[in-house]
Amino acid sequence: MNWIALIAAGVFEIGWPLGLKMAQSGEGNKVGWILLAIVSMAISGSLLFYAQKAIPIGTAYAVWTGLGAVGTLLVGITFFGDSASVFRLLSAVLIVAGIVGLKVF
């Protein structure tokens, strides 16, 4: 259950930079996007807090930030036209490899 909470925390970690980006874009309700960012931060942090009860802090934090970073990168590429260069994608693969390494070893 702790690993499910940690993965969910990583997914919510994507929500706050997305909310901030959308608030800056001028599309939609600026306050609503900021609220999305705040709620995402709160949920993400709460789930991380729960997950750390059984998962070592270094592993939990690396997984949490790694999922958030790679997920946000993919959102940026998919929805905002961010660069999808080979080196950026390779870097994301290395982050995922590091996360897997922390879990396996």
N, C-alpha and C. Protein backbone atom coordinates (compact mmCIF):
# COMPACT_ATOMS: atom_id res chain seq x y z
N MET A 1 0.82 -1.20 0.00
CA MET A 1 0.00 0.00 0.00
C MET A 1 0.86 1.27 0.00
N ASN A 2 2.00 1.21 0.69
CA ASN A 2 2.87 2.38 0.74
C ASN A 2 3.43 2.73 -0.63
N TRP A 3 3.74 1.70 -1.43
CA TRP A 3 4.26 1.97 -2.77
C TRP A 3 3.17 2.56 -3.67
N ILE A 4 1.94 2.12 -3.51
CA ILE A 4 0.84 2.71 -4.28
C ILE A 4 0.67 4.17 -3.90
N ALA A 5 0.75 4.46 -2.61
CA ALA A 5 0.66 5.85 -2.15
C ALA A 5 1.80 6.69 -2.71
N LEU A 6 2.99 6.11 -2.75
CA LEU A 6 4.14 6.85 -3.27
C LEU A 6 4.00 7.14 -4.77
N ILE A 7 3.52 6.17 -5.52
CA ILE A 7 3.31 6.39 -6.95
C ILE A 7 2.23 7.46 -7.16
N ALA A 8 1.16 7.37 -6.38
CA ALA A 8 0.10 8.39 -6.47
C ALA A 8 0.66 9.77 -6.11
N ALA A 9 1.52 9.83 -5.11
CA ALA A 9 2.15 11.10 -4.73
C ALA A 9 2.96 11.66 -5.89
N GLY A 10 3.67 10.79 -6.61
CA GLY A 10 4.44 11.23 -7.78
C GLY A 10 3.55 11.76 -8.88
N VAL A 11 2.39 11.15 -9.06
CA VAL A 11 1.43 11.63 -10.08
C VAL A 11 0.89 13.01 -9.68
N PHE A 12 0.53 13.17 -8.41
CA PHE A 12 0.05 14.48 -7.96
C PHE A 12 1.16 15.53 -7.99
N GLU A 13 2.39 15.08 -7.93
CA GLU A 13 3.53 16.00 -8.04
C GLU A 13 3.54 16.69 -9.40
N ILE A 14 2.95 16.07 -10.40
CA ILE A 14 2.85 16.65 -11.74
C ILE A 14 1.82 17.78 -11.76
N GLY A 15 0.81 17.69 -10.89
CA GLY A 15 -0.30 18.64 -10.91
C GLY A 15 0.07 20.06 -10.57
N TRP A 16 1.03 20.23 -9.65
CA TRP A 16 1.29 21.62 -9.26
C TRP A 16 2.06 22.42 -10.31
N PRO A 17 3.09 21.87 -10.99
CA PRO A 17 3.70 22.70 -12.04
C PRO A 17 2.73 22.91 -13.21
N LEU A 18 1.87 21.92 -13.46
CA LEU A 18 0.87 22.08 -14.50
C LEU A 18 -0.09 23.22 -14.14
N GLY A 19 -0.57 23.25 -12.90
CA GLY A 19 -1.46 24.32 -12.47
C GLY A 19 -0.80 25.69 -12.58
N LEU A 20 0.47 25.79 -12.17
CA LEU A 20 1.18 27.06 -12.26
C LEU A 20 1.39 27.48 -13.72
N LYS A 21 1.71 26.54 -14.58
CA LYS A 21 1.90 26.84 -16.00
C LYS A 21 0.61 27.35 -16.62
N MET A 22 -0.49 26.67 -16.32
CA MET A 22 -1.77 27.07 -16.88
C MET A 22 -2.23 28.42 -16.33
N ALA A 23 -1.92 28.72 -15.07
CA ALA A 23 -2.27 30.02 -14.49
C ALA A 23 -1.54 31.14 -15.21
N GLN A 24 -0.33 30.86 -15.68
CA GLN A 24 0.46 31.87 -16.39
C GLN A 24 0.04 32.02 -17.85
N SER A 25 -0.63 31.01 -18.38
CA SER A 25 -0.95 31.00 -19.81
C SER A 25 -2.07 31.96 -20.18
N GLY A 26 -2.89 32.35 -19.20
CA GLY A 26 -4.00 33.24 -19.51
C GLY A 26 -5.24 32.51 -20.00
N GLU A 27 -5.17 31.19 -20.10
CA GLU A 27 -6.32 30.40 -20.53
C GLU A 27 -7.10 29.93 -19.31
N GLY A 28 -8.40 30.11 -19.34
CA GLY A 28 -9.23 29.61 -18.25
C GLY A 28 -9.15 30.48 -17.02
N ASN A 29 -9.55 29.91 -15.92
CA ASN A 29 -9.64 30.61 -14.65
C ASN A 29 -8.29 30.55 -13.93
N LYS A 30 -7.61 31.67 -13.82
CA LYS A 30 -6.29 31.72 -13.20
C LYS A 30 -6.33 31.22 -11.76
N VAL A 31 -7.32 31.64 -11.01
CA VAL A 31 -7.44 31.23 -9.61
C VAL A 31 -7.67 29.72 -9.52
N GLY A 32 -8.47 29.18 -10.42
CA GLY A 32 -8.73 27.74 -10.44
C GLY A 32 -7.46 26.94 -10.67
N TRP A 33 -6.61 27.42 -11.58
CA TRP A 33 -5.35 26.71 -11.85
C TRP A 33 -4.40 26.80 -10.66
N ILE A 34 -4.39 27.95 -10.00
CA ILE A 34 -3.55 28.08 -8.80
C ILE A 34 -4.07 27.15 -7.70
N LEU A 35 -5.39 27.06 -7.57
CA LEU A 35 -5.97 26.13 -6.58
C LEU A 35 -5.60 24.68 -6.92
N LEU A 36 -5.59 24.34 -8.21
CA LEU A 36 -5.16 22.99 -8.61
C LEU A 36 -3.73 22.74 -8.14
N ALA A 37 -2.87 23.73 -8.31
CA ALA A 37 -1.48 23.60 -7.88
C ALA A 37 -1.40 23.39 -6.37
N ILE A 38 -2.14 24.17 -5.61
CA ILE A 38 -2.10 24.07 -4.15
C ILE A 38 -2.64 22.72 -3.67
N VAL A 39 -3.77 22.30 -4.23
CA VAL A 39 -4.36 21.02 -3.84
C VAL A 39 -3.43 19.87 -4.22
N SER A 40 -2.83 19.95 -5.41
CA SER A 40 -1.90 18.90 -5.84
C SER A 40 -0.71 18.80 -4.89
N MET A 41 -0.18 19.97 -4.48
CA MET A 41 0.93 19.97 -3.53
C MET A 41 0.53 19.30 -2.22
N ALA A 42 -0.64 19.65 -1.72
CA ALA A 42 -1.09 19.10 -0.44
C ALA A 42 -1.30 17.59 -0.51
N ILE A 43 -1.94 17.13 -1.57
CA ILE A 43 -2.18 15.69 -1.71
C ILE A 43 -0.86 14.95 -1.90
N SER A 44 0.00 15.50 -2.74
CA SER A 44 1.29 14.87 -3.01
C SER A 44 2.11 14.76 -1.73
N GLY A 45 2.19 15.83 -0.98
CA GLY A 45 2.95 15.81 0.27
C GLY A 45 2.36 14.86 1.30
N SER A 46 1.04 14.82 1.38
CA SER A 46 0.38 13.92 2.33
C SER A 46 0.63 12.46 1.99
N LEU A 47 0.56 12.14 0.70
CA LEU A 47 0.82 10.76 0.28
C LEU A 47 2.29 10.37 0.50
N LEU A 48 3.19 11.32 0.27
CA LEU A 48 4.61 11.07 0.55
C LEU A 48 4.81 10.81 2.04
N PHE A 49 4.16 11.61 2.87
CA PHE A 49 4.24 11.43 4.32
C PHE A 49 3.81 10.02 4.72
N TYR A 50 2.70 9.57 4.16
CA TYR A 50 2.20 8.23 4.45
C TYR A 50 3.18 7.15 3.97
N ALA A 51 3.68 7.32 2.73
CA ALA A 51 4.56 6.31 2.14
C ALA A 51 5.86 6.14 2.93
N GLN A 52 6.35 7.23 3.52
CA GLN A 52 7.62 7.18 4.24
C GLN A 52 7.53 6.41 5.54
N LYS A 53 6.35 6.00 5.94
CA LYS A 53 6.23 5.19 7.15
C LYS A 53 6.87 3.82 6.94
N ALA A 54 6.91 3.34 5.69
CA ALA A 54 7.46 2.00 5.43
C ALA A 54 8.58 2.00 4.39
N ILE A 55 8.76 3.10 3.69
CA ILE A 55 9.78 3.18 2.65
C ILE A 55 10.88 4.12 3.13
N PRO A 56 12.15 3.74 2.98
CA PRO A 56 13.25 4.62 3.43
C PRO A 56 13.14 6.01 2.81
N ILE A 57 13.47 7.02 3.57
CA ILE A 57 13.29 8.41 3.16
C ILE A 57 14.01 8.73 1.85
N GLY A 58 15.24 8.26 1.69
CA GLY A 58 15.98 8.55 0.46
C GLY A 58 15.33 7.93 -0.77
N THR A 59 14.88 6.71 -0.63
CA THR A 59 14.20 6.04 -1.73
C THR A 59 12.89 6.73 -2.04
N ALA A 60 12.10 7.01 -1.01
CA ALA A 60 10.79 7.63 -1.21
C ALA A 60 10.94 8.99 -1.89
N TYR A 61 11.88 9.80 -1.42
CA TYR A 61 12.05 11.13 -1.99
C TYR A 61 12.52 11.06 -3.44
N ALA A 62 13.45 10.17 -3.73
CA ALA A 62 13.94 10.04 -5.10
C ALA A 62 12.84 9.57 -6.05
N VAL A 63 12.04 8.62 -5.62
CA VAL A 63 10.94 8.13 -6.45
C VAL A 63 9.92 9.25 -6.66
N TRP A 64 9.58 9.94 -5.60
CA TRP A 64 8.59 11.03 -5.65
C TRP A 64 9.02 12.13 -6.62
N THR A 65 10.23 12.62 -6.44
CA THR A 65 10.70 13.70 -7.32
C THR A 65 10.95 13.20 -8.74
N GLY A 66 11.44 11.96 -8.86
CA GLY A 66 11.70 11.41 -10.20
C GLY A 66 10.43 11.24 -11.01
N LEU A 67 9.39 10.70 -10.37
CA LEU A 67 8.11 10.56 -11.09
C LEU A 67 7.55 11.93 -11.46
N GLY A 68 7.66 12.87 -10.53
CA GLY A 68 7.19 14.22 -10.83
C GLY A 68 7.96 14.87 -11.97
N ALA A 69 9.27 14.70 -11.95
CA ALA A 69 10.10 15.32 -12.99
C ALA A 69 9.85 14.70 -14.37
N VAL A 70 9.85 13.38 -14.44
CA VAL A 70 9.64 12.71 -15.73
C VAL A 70 8.20 12.94 -16.21
N GLY A 71 7.24 12.86 -15.29
CA GLY A 71 5.85 13.10 -15.67
C GLY A 71 5.63 14.51 -16.19
N THR A 72 6.22 15.49 -15.52
CA THR A 72 6.10 16.87 -15.96
C THR A 72 6.79 17.08 -17.30
N LEU A 73 7.92 16.44 -17.50
CA LEU A 73 8.60 16.51 -18.79
C LEU A 73 7.68 15.99 -19.90
N LEU A 74 7.04 14.85 -19.66
CA LEU A 74 6.15 14.26 -20.67
C LEU A 74 4.92 15.13 -20.93
N VAL A 75 4.38 15.75 -19.88
CA VAL A 75 3.26 16.67 -20.05
C VAL A 75 3.71 17.87 -20.89
N GLY A 76 4.88 18.39 -20.60
CA GLY A 76 5.40 19.52 -21.37
C GLY A 76 5.59 19.18 -22.85
N ILE A 77 6.12 18.00 -23.12
CA ILE A 77 6.32 17.57 -24.51
C ILE A 77 4.98 17.37 -25.20
N THR A 78 4.05 16.70 -24.51
CA THR A 78 2.77 16.33 -25.12
C THR A 78 1.85 17.53 -25.32
N PHE A 79 1.77 18.41 -24.33
CA PHE A 79 0.75 19.46 -24.38
C PHE A 79 1.26 20.88 -24.60
N PHE A 80 2.55 21.11 -24.39
CA PHE A 80 3.07 22.47 -24.48
C PHE A 80 4.16 22.64 -25.53
N GLY A 81 4.43 21.61 -26.28
CA GLY A 81 5.41 21.71 -27.36
C GLY A 81 6.85 21.80 -26.89
N ASP A 82 7.13 21.33 -25.68
CA ASP A 82 8.51 21.32 -25.21
C ASP A 82 9.35 20.39 -26.09
N SER A 83 10.62 20.64 -26.13
CA SER A 83 11.53 19.85 -26.94
C SER A 83 11.53 18.37 -26.52
N ALA A 84 11.52 17.50 -27.52
CA ALA A 84 11.60 16.05 -27.27
C ALA A 84 12.89 15.51 -27.89
N SER A 85 13.98 16.22 -27.66
CA SER A 85 15.25 15.80 -28.24
C SER A 85 15.69 14.47 -27.65
N VAL A 86 16.55 13.81 -28.38
CA VAL A 86 17.06 12.51 -27.94
C VAL A 86 17.73 12.62 -26.57
N PHE A 87 18.48 13.69 -26.36
CA PHE A 87 19.21 13.85 -25.10
C PHE A 87 18.26 14.08 -23.93
N ARG A 88 17.18 14.83 -24.14
CA ARG A 88 16.19 15.04 -23.07
C ARG A 88 15.51 13.73 -22.73
N LEU A 89 15.12 12.97 -23.75
CA LEU A 89 14.45 11.69 -23.50
C LEU A 89 15.39 10.68 -22.86
N LEU A 90 16.64 10.67 -23.30
CA LEU A 90 17.64 9.79 -22.69
C LEU A 90 17.85 10.15 -21.22
N SER A 91 17.86 11.43 -20.93
CA SER A 91 18.01 11.88 -19.55
C SER A 91 16.84 11.39 -18.70
N ALA A 92 15.64 11.44 -19.26
CA ALA A 92 14.46 10.94 -18.54
C ALA A 92 14.57 9.44 -18.29
N VAL A 93 15.07 8.71 -19.27
CA VAL A 93 15.27 7.26 -19.11
C VAL A 93 16.27 7.00 -17.98
N LEU A 94 17.30 7.81 -17.88
CA LEU A 94 18.28 7.65 -16.81
C LEU A 94 17.66 7.91 -15.43
N ILE A 95 16.75 8.89 -15.36
CA ILE A 95 16.05 9.14 -14.10
C ILE A 95 15.24 7.91 -13.72
N VAL A 96 14.50 7.36 -14.67
CA VAL A 96 13.69 6.17 -14.40
C VAL A 96 14.59 5.00 -14.00
N ALA A 97 15.71 4.85 -14.67
CA ALA A 97 16.65 3.78 -14.32
C ALA A 97 17.15 3.95 -12.88
N GLY A 98 17.41 5.17 -12.47
CA GLY A 98 17.84 5.43 -11.10
C GLY A 98 16.75 5.07 -10.10
N ILE A 99 15.51 5.39 -10.43
CA ILE A 99 14.39 5.04 -9.55
C ILE A 99 14.28 3.52 -9.41
N VAL A 100 14.36 2.83 -10.53
CA VAL A 100 14.28 1.37 -10.49
C VAL A 100 15.45 0.81 -9.67
N GLY A 101 16.63 1.36 -9.86
CA GLY A 101 17.80 0.91 -9.11
C GLY A 101 17.62 1.08 -7.62
N LEU A 102 17.02 2.18 -7.19
CA LEU A 102 16.79 2.39 -5.77
C LEU A 102 15.81 1.38 -5.20
N LYS A 103 14.84 0.98 -6.01
CA LYS A 103 13.86 0.00 -5.55
C LYS A 103 14.46 -1.41 -5.52
N VAL A 104 15.21 -1.76 -6.54
CA VAL A 104 15.74 -3.11 -6.67
C VAL A 104 16.90 -3.36 -5.72
N PHE A 105 17.79 -2.38 -5.58
CA PHE A 105 18.98 -2.59 -4.77
C PHE A 105 18.80 -1.94 -3.43
